[in-house]
Structures are given as C-alpha cells and as structure tokens.
C-alpha cells in the first residue's frame, strides 16, 4: 500500500515540476460552437431514427417471417 502511494506521489511531483507554460489560446466561443454542434447532431440523429422507425420495424418483421399487418402500413399523407 505504501509503495503504491509513494509511486503515485512521485509521478504527480514529476508531472507538476515538469510543467511548461502553454502558449495556446482557445476562444470562449469555441466551446459554445462545440456544444451547439453536438446538440444538433444528437437531435438530428433522433429525428432520423424517429422518422425511419416504422420502416425499420417492418423490415425486421419481414425478416422474422411475421409479415406486415394492415395497420402497419404508413399513411401516405404523413
């Protein structure tokens, strides 16, 4: 147990001593852009899956041999 704690402390000390300043800048708007992009992708994927759920389930039923019932046929007006 003592060896593990000593090893962890030694690694932490080496990392902190070897720290160098970073000459980089990330614009605060970049984080907002990343959040907006991730949210758009997730919502778009949800919409695509929601719209194609009926056709996917009909395809799986056909593979299983159960066929398609009359109430499973989508309304062409949708």
Protein backbone atom coordinates (compact mmCIF):
# COMPACT_ATOMS: atom_id res chain seq x y z
CA UNK A 1 0.00 0.00 0.00
CA UNK A 2 2.82 2.38 0.87
CA UNK A 3 4.62 1.61 -2.38
CA UNK A 4 1.53 2.47 -4.41
CA UNK A 5 1.02 5.79 -2.58
CA UNK A 6 4.71 6.67 -2.93
CA UNK A 7 4.67 5.83 -6.63
CA UNK A 8 1.55 7.96 -7.18
CA UNK A 9 3.03 10.91 -5.27
CA UNK A 10 6.31 10.64 -7.17
CA UNK A 11 4.54 10.63 -10.55
CA UNK A 12 2.39 13.63 -9.52
CA UNK A 13 5.51 15.54 -8.38
CA UNK A 14 7.32 14.80 -11.63
CA UNK A 15 4.34 15.96 -13.68
CA UNK A 16 3.98 19.18 -11.69
CA UNK A 17 7.68 20.01 -11.76
CA UNK A 18 7.94 19.33 -15.49
CA UNK A 19 5.04 21.59 -16.31
CA UNK A 20 5.70 24.12 -19.04
CA UNK A 21 3.57 27.13 -19.92
CA UNK A 22 1.18 26.59 -22.80
CA UNK A 23 1.27 29.27 -25.45
CA UNK A 24 -2.15 28.49 -26.81
CA UNK A 25 -5.47 30.24 -26.69
CA UNK A 26 -8.92 28.80 -27.13
CA UNK A 27 -11.57 31.37 -27.87
CA UNK A 28 -14.51 31.19 -25.43
CA UNK A 29 -16.87 30.92 -28.39
CA UNK A 30 -15.22 27.66 -29.43
CA UNK A 31 -16.77 25.76 -26.52
CA UNK A 32 -20.19 27.15 -27.40
CA UNK A 33 -19.72 26.09 -31.01
CA UNK A 34 -18.79 22.56 -29.91
CA UNK A 35 -21.88 22.32 -27.67
CA UNK A 36 -24.15 23.56 -30.45
CA UNK A 37 -22.67 21.10 -32.93
CA UNK A 38 -23.04 18.15 -30.55
CA UNK A 39 -26.62 19.09 -29.72
CA UNK A 40 -27.52 19.47 -33.39
CA UNK A 41 -26.04 16.08 -34.23
CA UNK A 42 -27.90 14.36 -31.37
CA UNK A 43 -31.23 15.98 -32.20
CA UNK A 44 -30.81 15.28 -35.91
CA UNK A 45 -30.00 11.64 -35.24
CA UNK A 46 -33.08 11.36 -33.03
CA UNK A 47 -35.26 12.83 -35.77
CA UNK A 48 -33.86 10.47 -38.40
CA UNK A 49 -34.41 7.44 -36.16
CA UNK A 50 -37.92 8.58 -35.27
CA UNK A 51 -38.88 9.09 -38.91
CA UNK A 52 -37.42 5.78 -40.06
CA UNK A 53 -38.54 3.66 -37.08
CA UNK A 54 -41.65 2.32 -38.85
CA UNK A 55 -39.80 1.22 -41.97
CA UNK A 56 -37.07 -0.41 -39.91
CA UNK A 57 -39.59 -2.32 -37.80
CA UNK A 58 -41.47 -3.50 -40.94
CA UNK A 59 -38.19 -4.70 -42.43
CA UNK A 60 -37.31 -6.63 -39.27
CA UNK A 61 -40.78 -8.20 -39.14
CA UNK A 62 -40.43 -9.34 -42.75
CA UNK A 63 -37.09 -10.92 -41.91
CA UNK A 64 -38.72 -12.71 -39.00
CA UNK A 65 -41.47 -14.05 -41.24
CA UNK A 66 -44.38 -12.39 -39.44
CA UNK A 67 -45.36 -10.21 -42.39
CA UNK A 68 -46.91 -6.78 -42.30
CA UNK A 69 -50.37 -6.13 -40.88
CA UNK A 70 -52.76 -3.65 -42.47
CA UNK A 71 -52.39 -1.21 -39.57
CA UNK A 72 -48.60 -1.17 -40.03
CA UNK A 73 -48.84 0.40 -43.47
CA UNK A 74 -47.98 4.09 -43.13
CA UNK A 75 -50.43 6.74 -44.18
CA UNK A 76 -49.08 8.38 -47.37
CA UNK A 77 -50.22 11.77 -46.07
CA UNK A 78 -47.64 11.68 -43.23
